[in-house]
Protein backbone atom coordinates (compact mmCIF):
# COMPACT_ATOMS: atom_id res chain seq x y z
CA UNK A 1 0.00 0.00 0.00
CA UNK A 2 2.82 2.42 0.84
CA UNK A 3 4.53 1.66 -2.49
CA UNK A 4 1.31 2.45 -4.37
CA UNK A 5 0.97 5.69 -2.41
CA UNK A 6 4.57 6.63 -3.20
CA UNK A 7 4.04 5.92 -6.90
CA UNK A 8 0.91 8.05 -7.01
CA UNK A 9 2.62 10.88 -5.14
CA UNK A 10 5.64 10.81 -7.46
CA UNK A 11 3.37 10.73 -10.51
CA UNK A 12 1.51 13.81 -9.26
CA UNK A 13 4.77 15.64 -8.59
CA UNK A 14 6.15 14.99 -12.08
CA UNK A 15 2.85 15.94 -13.72
CA UNK A 16 2.66 19.19 -11.73
CA UNK A 17 6.22 20.12 -12.63
CA UNK A 18 5.52 19.46 -16.30
CA UNK A 19 2.43 21.68 -16.25
CA UNK A 20 4.36 24.52 -14.61
CA UNK A 21 7.23 24.25 -17.08
CA UNK A 22 4.85 23.99 -20.00
CA UNK A 23 3.02 27.16 -18.99
CA UNK A 24 6.20 29.17 -18.53
CA UNK A 25 7.84 27.94 -21.73
CA UNK A 26 4.67 28.71 -23.66
CA UNK A 27 4.36 32.20 -22.16
CA UNK A 28 8.00 33.03 -22.99
CA UNK A 29 8.40 31.33 -26.37
CA UNK A 30 8.97 34.60 -28.19
CA UNK A 31 12.32 34.77 -26.38
CA UNK A 32 13.60 31.35 -27.43
CA UNK A 33 11.59 29.88 -30.29
CA UNK A 34 13.44 31.49 -33.19
CA UNK A 35 16.76 30.94 -34.99
CA UNK A 36 19.47 33.58 -34.41
CA UNK A 37 21.31 32.64 -37.62
CA UNK A 38 18.30 33.74 -39.63
CA UNK A 39 18.50 37.32 -38.32
CA UNK A 40 20.88 40.00 -39.56
CA UNK A 41 20.54 41.92 -36.27
CA UNK A 42 19.12 41.32 -32.78
CA UNK A 43 15.72 39.71 -33.24
CA UNK A 44 14.16 41.61 -30.35
CA UNK A 45 15.79 45.02 -30.94
CA UNK A 46 12.51 46.76 -31.79
CA UNK A 47 10.40 44.92 -29.19
CA UNK A 48 12.88 45.46 -26.34
CA UNK A 49 15.36 48.24 -27.19
CA UNK A 50 16.52 48.52 -23.57
CA UNK A 51 17.38 44.81 -23.54
CA UNK A 52 19.23 45.19 -26.83
CA UNK A 53 21.23 48.07 -25.35
CA UNK A 54 21.96 46.05 -22.22
CA UNK A 55 23.26 43.10 -24.25
CA UNK A 56 25.23 45.25 -26.67
CA UNK A 57 27.12 46.66 -23.70
CA UNK A 58 28.44 43.16 -22.86
CA UNK A 59 31.79 41.97 -24.09
CA UNK A 60 32.15 38.46 -25.53
CA UNK A 61 34.01 37.42 -22.36
CA UNK A 62 31.12 38.68 -20.24
CA UNK A 63 28.67 36.80 -22.44
CA UNK A 64 30.68 33.60 -21.98
CA UNK A 65 30.73 34.07 -18.22
CA UNK A 66 26.96 34.67 -18.06
CA UNK A 67 26.37 31.62 -20.23
CA UNK A 68 27.86 29.48 -17.47
CA UNK A 69 26.04 31.22 -14.59
CA UNK A 70 22.28 30.88 -14.92
CA UNK A 71 21.67 32.73 -11.67
CA UNK A 72 23.49 35.80 -12.92
CA UNK A 73 21.78 35.52 -16.30
CA UNK A 74 18.36 35.35 -14.61
CA UNK A 75 19.15 38.53 -12.71
CA UNK A 76 20.35 40.33 -15.84
CA UNK A 77 17.27 39.40 -17.86
CA UNK A 78 14.71 39.71 -15.03
CA UNK A 79 13.34 43.13 -16.15
CA UNK A 80 12.29 41.54 -19.45
CA UNK A 81 11.94 37.84 -18.57
CA UNK A 82 10.80 37.65 -14.92
CA UNK A 83 9.92 33.96 -15.37
CA UNK A 84 13.61 33.03 -15.62
CA UNK A 85 14.13 32.27 -11.95
CA UNK A 86 11.07 30.00 -11.80
CA UNK A 87 12.19 28.20 -14.93
CA UNK A 88 15.61 27.50 -13.45
CA UNK A 89 14.10 26.25 -10.19
CA UNK A 90 11.84 23.88 -12.11
CA UNK A 91 14.88 22.65 -14.02
CA UNK A 92 16.78 21.50 -10.95
CA UNK A 93 17.05 17.74 -10.55
CA UNK A 94 17.84 15.68 -7.50
CA UNK A 95 20.90 13.54 -7.99
CA UNK A 96 20.58 9.77 -7.88
CA UNK A 97 23.01 8.27 -5.39
CA UNK A 98 24.88 5.76 -7.53
CA UNK A 99 26.47 2.64 -6.13
CA UNK A 100 30.27 3.03 -6.45
CA UNK A 101 31.30 0.94 -9.47
CA UNK A 102 34.62 0.89 -11.30
CA UNK A 103 35.70 -0.86 -14.48
CA UNK A 104 38.88 -2.85 -14.24
CA UNK A 105 41.88 -1.60 -16.23
CA UNK A 106 41.59 -4.34 -18.82
CA UNK A 107 37.88 -3.75 -19.30
CA UNK A 108 38.34 0.03 -19.63
CA UNK A 109 41.06 -0.33 -22.25
CA UNK A 110 38.79 0.49 -25.20
CA UNK A 111 36.63 3.09 -23.47
CA UNK A 112 37.34 6.82 -23.71
CA UNK A 113 37.89 8.19 -20.19
CA UNK A 114 34.80 10.37 -19.99
CA UNK A 115 32.61 7.62 -21.47
CA UNK A 116 33.96 5.17 -18.90
CA UNK A 117 33.00 7.50 -16.06
CA UNK A 118 29.51 7.95 -17.56
CA UNK A 119 29.00 4.18 -17.87
CA UNK A 120 30.12 3.59 -14.28
CA UNK A 121 27.74 6.27 -12.97
CA UNK A 122 24.87 4.98 -15.12
CA UNK A 123 25.31 1.37 -13.98
CA UNK A 124 25.48 2.54 -10.36
CA UNK A 125 21.99 4.04 -10.76
CA UNK A 126 20.27 0.99 -12.24
CA UNK A 127 17.42 -0.31 -10.07
CA UNK A 128 17.59 -3.75 -8.49
CA UNK A 129 16.92 -6.39 -11.13
CA UNK A 130 17.94 -10.04 -11.41
CA UNK A 131 18.14 -9.93 -15.17
CA UNK A 132 17.97 -10.34 -18.04
CA UNK A 133 18.81 -6.89 -19.44
CA UNK A 134 18.37 -5.46 -22.92
CA UNK A 135 20.98 -2.95 -24.08
CA UNK A 136 19.60 -0.67 -26.81
CA UNK A 137 21.95 0.81 -29.45
CA UNK A 138 24.80 -1.01 -27.76
CA UNK A 139 27.85 -0.15 -29.85
CA UNK A 140 30.56 -2.48 -28.58
CA UNK A 141 28.46 -3.24 -25.52
CA UNK A 142 30.62 -1.51 -22.92
CA UNK A 143 27.55 -0.71 -20.81
CA UNK A 144 26.08 -4.19 -21.10
CA UNK A 145 29.41 -5.84 -20.34
CA UNK A 146 29.80 -3.95 -17.08
CA UNK A 147 26.19 -4.74 -16.11
CA UNK A 148 26.67 -8.43 -16.89
CA UNK A 149 29.83 -8.67 -14.82
CA UNK A 150 28.63 -6.54 -11.91
CA UNK A 151 25.22 -8.20 -11.60
CA UNK A 152 26.07 -11.66 -12.93
CA UNK A 153 23.21 -11.24 -15.38
CA UNK A 154 22.47 -12.09 -18.98
CA UNK A 155 22.43 -9.15 -21.40
CA UNK A 156 21.02 -8.96 -24.92
CA UNK A 157 22.78 -6.15 -26.83
CA UNK A 158 21.11 -4.70 -29.92
CA UNK A 159 23.40 -2.90 -32.39
CA UNK A 160 23.02 -1.94 -36.06
CA UNK A 161 26.69 -2.19 -37.12
CA UNK A 162 28.01 -5.70 -37.58
CA UNK A 163 31.62 -4.74 -36.95
CA UNK A 164 30.74 -3.29 -33.54
CA UNK A 165 28.78 -6.44 -32.71
CA UNK A 166 31.78 -8.61 -33.53
CA UNK A 167 34.15 -6.46 -31.46
CA UNK A 168 31.62 -6.56 -28.62
CA UNK A 169 31.47 -10.36 -28.77
CA UNK A 170 35.25 -10.56 -28.54
CA UNK A 171 35.38 -8.21 -25.55
CA UNK A 172 32.57 -10.12 -23.81
CA UNK A 173 34.38 -13.43 -24.35
CA UNK A 174 37.61 -11.92 -23.07
CA UNK A 175 35.98 -10.66 -19.86
CA UNK A 176 33.57 -13.56 -19.32
CA UNK A 177 30.38 -11.52 -19.72
CA UNK A 178 27.07 -13.26 -20.48
CA UNK A 179 26.17 -11.30 -23.60
CA UNK A 180 24.31 -12.00 -26.81
CA UNK A 181 24.78 -9.47 -29.61
CA UNK A 182 21.94 -9.00 -32.10
CA UNK A 183 22.77 -7.15 -35.31
CA UNK A 184 19.56 -5.34 -36.27
CA UNK A 185 17.98 -1.95 -36.95
CA UNK A 186 16.37 -0.64 -33.76
CA UNK A 187 13.37 0.53 -35.83
CA UNK A 188 12.76 -2.91 -37.36
CA UNK A 189 9.80 -4.90 -35.94
CA UNK A 190 12.10 -7.75 -34.91
CA UNK A 191 14.09 -5.39 -32.67
CA UNK A 192 11.04 -4.58 -30.57
CA UNK A 193 10.17 -8.24 -30.35
CA UNK A 194 13.45 -8.88 -28.52
CA UNK A 195 11.95 -7.12 -25.47
CA UNK A 196 10.22 -9.46 -23.04
CA UNK A 197 8.36 -8.93 -19.77
CA UNK A 198 11.48 -10.09 -17.92
CA UNK A 199 13.81 -7.53 -19.48
CA UNK A 200 15.01 -4.30 -17.95
CA UNK A 201 15.96 -2.18 -20.95
CA UNK A 202 18.76 0.38 -20.80
CA UNK A 203 20.22 3.00 -23.10
CA UNK A 204 22.96 5.50 -22.37
CA UNK A 205 22.69 8.52 -24.70
CA UNK A 206 20.57 6.84 -27.37
CA UNK A 207 19.74 9.55 -29.88
CA UNK A 208 16.38 11.09 -30.70
CA UNK A 209 13.76 8.70 -32.00
CA UNK A 210 15.99 5.73 -31.19
CA UNK A 211 15.22 6.23 -27.51
CA UNK A 212 11.57 7.30 -27.89
CA UNK A 213 11.03 4.20 -30.02
CA UNK A 214 12.55 2.13 -27.21
CA UNK A 215 10.14 3.62 -24.67
CA UNK A 216 7.17 2.85 -26.91
CA UNK A 217 8.31 -0.76 -27.39
CA UNK A 218 9.01 -1.20 -23.65
CA UNK A 219 5.45 -0.08 -22.84
CA UNK A 220 3.96 -2.11 -25.67
CA UNK A 221 5.76 -5.30 -24.63
CA UNK A 222 5.24 -4.79 -20.89
CA UNK A 223 8.93 -4.98 -19.98
CA UNK A 224 9.99 -5.08 -16.33
CA UNK A 225 11.48 -1.61 -16.61
CA UNK A 226 13.76 0.79 -18.45
CA UNK A 227 16.63 3.10 -17.50
CA UNK A 228 17.43 5.76 -20.06
CA UNK A 229 19.62 8.80 -20.51
CA UNK A 230 18.24 10.69 -23.53
CA UNK A 231 20.34 12.60 -26.04
CA UNK A 232 20.18 14.40 -29.41
CA UNK A 233 16.47 15.20 -29.24
CA UNK A 234 16.54 16.72 -32.74
CA UNK A 235 17.38 13.44 -34.50
CA UNK A 236 13.83 12.66 -35.54
CA UNK A 237 12.52 11.42 -38.88
CA UNK A 238 9.84 14.10 -39.27
CA UNK A 239 10.19 17.87 -39.21
CA UNK A 240 8.33 18.32 -35.92
CA UNK A 241 8.46 16.71 -32.50
CA UNK A 242 5.77 14.12 -31.81
CA UNK A 243 4.92 14.24 -28.06
CA UNK A 244 4.56 10.96 -26.20
CA UNK A 245 2.43 11.77 -23.14
CA UNK A 246 -1.13 13.04 -22.99
CA UNK A 247 0.04 16.19 -21.21
CA UNK A 248 2.59 17.06 -23.91
CA UNK A 249 0.10 16.30 -26.68
CA UNK A 250 -2.27 18.83 -25.08
CA UNK A 251 0.46 21.52 -24.91
CA UNK A 252 0.35 24.65 -27.05
CA UNK A 253 4.07 24.20 -27.73
CA UNK A 254 4.93 22.91 -31.19
CA UNK A 255 8.62 22.07 -31.53
CA UNK A 256 10.63 21.82 -34.72
CA UNK A 257 14.05 20.24 -35.14
CA UNK A 258 15.74 23.60 -34.60
CA UNK A 259 13.97 23.99 -31.23
CA UNK A 260 15.08 20.50 -30.21
CA UNK A 261 18.71 21.48 -30.77
CA UNK A 262 18.54 24.14 -28.05
CA UNK A 263 19.24 21.80 -25.07
CA UNK A 264 22.31 20.44 -26.87
CA UNK A 265 23.98 23.84 -26.88
CA UNK A 266 25.16 23.19 -23.33
CA UNK A 267 28.48 21.43 -23.82
CA UNK A 268 31.55 20.48 -21.84
CA UNK A 269 34.34 22.84 -22.80
CA UNK A 270 36.98 21.36 -25.08
CA UNK A 271 39.71 23.89 -24.30
CA UNK A 272 40.88 27.13 -25.87
CA UNK A 273 41.75 25.64 -29.27
CA UNK A 274 38.32 24.02 -29.68
CA UNK A 275 36.65 27.28 -28.64
CA UNK A 276 38.66 29.22 -31.25
CA UNK A 277 37.76 26.77 -34.00
CA UNK A 278 34.10 26.90 -33.00
CA UNK A 279 34.12 30.71 -33.16
CA UNK A 280 35.88 30.65 -36.53
CA UNK A 281 33.33 28.23 -37.94
CA UNK A 282 30.40 30.35 -36.78
CA UNK A 283 31.97 33.52 -38.19
CA UNK A 284 32.59 31.82 -41.52
CA UNK A 285 29.07 30.42 -41.70
CA UNK A 286 27.59 33.83 -40.97
CA UNK A 287 29.93 35.45 -43.49
CA UNK A 288 28.93 32.93 -46.15
CA UNK A 289 25.29 33.62 -45.31
CA UNK A 290 25.83 37.31 -46.09
CA UNK A 291 27.63 36.33 -49.29
CA UNK A 292 24.93 33.92 -50.52
CA UNK A 293 22.16 36.44 -49.85
CA UNK A 294 23.97 38.91 -52.12
CA UNK A 295 24.86 36.39 -54.83
CA UNK A 296 21.41 34.76 -54.96
CA UNK A 297 19.51 37.99 -54.51
CA UNK A 298 17.38 36.26 -51.89
CA UNK A 299 17.37 37.77 -48.41
CA UNK A 300 16.93 34.57 -46.41
CA UNK A 301 19.14 32.20 -44.47
CA UNK A 302 20.47 29.15 -46.33
CA UNK A 303 21.66 26.32 -44.05
CA UNK A 304 24.99 24.72 -44.90
CA UNK A 305 25.68 21.06 -44.02
CA UNK A 306 28.17 19.93 -41.39
CA UNK A 307 31.77 20.32 -42.44
CA UNK A 308 35.09 18.64 -41.90
CA UNK A 309 37.04 20.70 -39.37
CA UNK A 310 40.07 20.50 -41.67
CA UNK A 311 38.35 23.11 -43.86
CA UNK A 312 38.97 25.65 -41.10
CA UNK A 313 42.71 25.28 -41.71
CA UNK A 314 42.31 26.69 -45.22
CA UNK A 315 41.04 30.01 -46.51
CA UNK A 316 37.58 31.50 -46.19
CA UNK A 317 37.40 31.62 -49.99
CA UNK A 318 37.96 27.85 -50.15
CA UNK A 319 35.26 27.34 -47.53
CA UNK A 320 32.85 29.42 -49.61
CA UNK A 321 33.68 27.30 -52.65
CA UNK A 322 32.90 24.14 -50.69
CA UNK A 323 29.63 25.55 -49.29
CA UNK A 324 28.51 26.98 -52.66
CA UNK A 325 29.11 23.66 -54.40
CA UNK A 326 26.94 21.83 -51.88
CA UNK A 327 24.12 24.35 -52.25
CA UNK A 328 24.32 24.57 -56.04
CA UNK A 329 25.45 28.21 -56.08
CA UNK A 330 27.76 29.68 -58.74
CA UNK A 331 30.13 32.23 -57.21
CA UNK A 332 31.08 35.19 -59.43
CA UNK A 333 34.66 36.42 -59.70
CA UNK A 334 35.80 39.50 -57.83
CA UNK A 335 33.99 38.91 -54.51
CA UNK A 336 35.49 40.79 -51.55
CA UNK A 337 35.89 37.80 -49.22
CA UNK A 338 37.62 39.86 -46.50
CA UNK A 339 34.63 42.22 -46.31
CA UNK A 340 32.27 39.29 -45.88
CA UNK A 341 34.42 37.89 -43.05
CA UNK A 342 34.22 41.28 -41.35
CA UNK A 343 30.42 41.22 -41.65
CA UNK A 344 30.41 37.67 -40.28
CA UNK A 345 32.45 38.82 -37.29
CA UNK A 346 29.95 41.60 -36.59
CA UNK A 347 27.05 39.16 -36.81
CA UNK A 348 28.86 36.74 -34.49
CA UNK A 349 28.39 39.18 -31.62
CA UNK A 350 24.67 39.55 -32.36
CA UNK A 351 24.21 35.78 -32.55
CA UNK A 352 26.08 35.32 -29.26
CA UNK A 353 23.75 37.84 -27.59
CA UNK A 354 20.61 36.20 -28.97
CA UNK A 355 21.88 32.76 -27.99
CA UNK A 356 22.60 34.04 -24.47
CA UNK A 357 18.91 34.92 -24.06
CA UNK A 358 17.83 31.59 -25.54
CA UNK A 359 20.18 29.69 -23.24
CA UNK A 360 18.07 30.76 -20.28
CA UNK A 361 15.55 28.23 -21.65
CA UNK A 362 18.04 25.54 -22.60
CA UNK A 363 17.73 23.33 -19.53
CA UNK A 364 14.01 24.02 -18.93
CA UNK A 365 13.21 22.76 -22.43
CA UNK A 366 15.32 19.65 -21.87
CA UNK A 367 13.49 18.93 -18.61
CA UNK A 368 10.17 19.42 -20.45
CA UNK A 369 11.25 16.78 -22.97
CA UNK A 370 12.44 14.40 -20.25
CA UNK A 371 9.17 14.79 -18.34
CA UNK A 372 7.20 14.04 -21.50
CA UNK A 373 9.00 10.69 -21.61
CA UNK A 374 8.50 10.08 -17.90
CA UNK A 375 4.77 10.89 -18.02
CA UNK A 376 4.34 8.57 -21.01
CA UNK A 377 5.76 5.70 -18.97
CA UNK A 378 3.59 6.63 -15.98
CA UNK A 379 0.52 6.50 -18.19
CA UNK A 380 1.56 2.95 -19.12
CA UNK A 381 1.67 1.83 -15.49
CA UNK A 382 5.32 2.35 -14.57
CA UNK A 383 6.70 3.96 -11.43
CA UNK A 384 9.07 6.59 -12.77
CA UNK A 385 11.87 8.68 -11.30
CA UNK A 386 13.73 11.50 -13.05
CA UNK A 387 17.07 12.72 -11.75
CA UNK A 388 20.73 13.31 -12.56
CA UNK A 389 23.05 10.32 -12.75
CA UNK A 390 26.26 12.38 -12.78
CA UNK A 391 27.54 15.95 -12.53
CA UNK A 392 27.46 18.16 -15.63
CA UNK A 393 31.25 18.33 -16.08
CA UNK A 394 31.10 14.60 -16.86
CA UNK A 395 28.31 15.24 -19.40
CA UNK A 396 25.62 17.93 -19.69
CA UNK A 397 23.31 15.12 -20.90
CA UNK A 398 23.08 13.83 -17.35
CA UNK A 399 19.32 13.28 -17.07
CA UNK A 400 18.29 9.76 -16.09
CA UNK A 401 14.78 8.35 -16.42
CA UNK A 402 14.32 5.22 -14.33
CA UNK A 403 11.07 3.27 -14.62
CA UNK A 404 9.93 -0.04 -13.14
CA UNK A 405 6.63 -1.85 -12.93
CA UNK A 406 5.39 -1.65 -9.30
């Protein structure tokens, strides 16, 4: 009886938090639901000239500092966005208290250091379960291997790439893990059929629809439970987000892929060199945007695909040639490439200021998305907890959804 009461209480708490977040995000969407790259100047300059003046007075170093201090950013933006403090409070998560678990040196040999720490923290937060486990989008099965060895349990690991499956089998045999690798597409019907009522499914940073598809199959098949850390919310097959829970389906928020990228803009710093390359890439993309508007005679943003970072070691003119080729644009001779780079540098400051305002909503939107997943599982009869499985320096994608059948 007490367990049922606890489940109902937790369900009510998560639902109430979602409703509060949903209302605030809906009321403030004019401040975050737009794309800074599409604007040649501050998007809100006419609507809020005092805010524009306040932001224009900030140096890039001050912007970077505020971007890492949400409390200070809330205070700065409070005259225009008084909901900021409430949004941040609703975005705070209790930390799970993971069981201390460490990979042995031999086992950790093929794991990047940060990924190893994430796997150890994730496994330490798994609920009690005798097995078997299902590892979704397993890669080489590092997560499943540690679970199998720590819990002396059988693990079925689903992975699309055959080479990764084979490497995973070799590592499992080396370490003595009870693992079965299945090479299959997670979206294929046979993948969902692998899930049984006895399985506890798990996925560490499964991307976009790969993890929402898992949740749907877990509920459909009545699995024992699921532990999930979501990632890359924008990797969906359609153009717009399809909510899972009844509450999210009733929301006035309609999210496109560009909106779903907002939570991912919180990253772990890669050092000064990575920061310089990132700034150079943004400046060049904005400069090329100015160039293509002039060449095409069309005053609208034109997205350019992801690029090899080696392009940044060349000239801006070469970058423009690469981008123009991919967008089917013929570049005339005699373009003043240096002038376009200067315009890109000017726009970089505007974009940084617009992104600073949007970043106030970065974590709240991610919590909204996580709660949509949690409420979906609650509606299907699971007892669900949402918390942080590690600190943000280990990974900003530190949200953990843990669900079991009572």
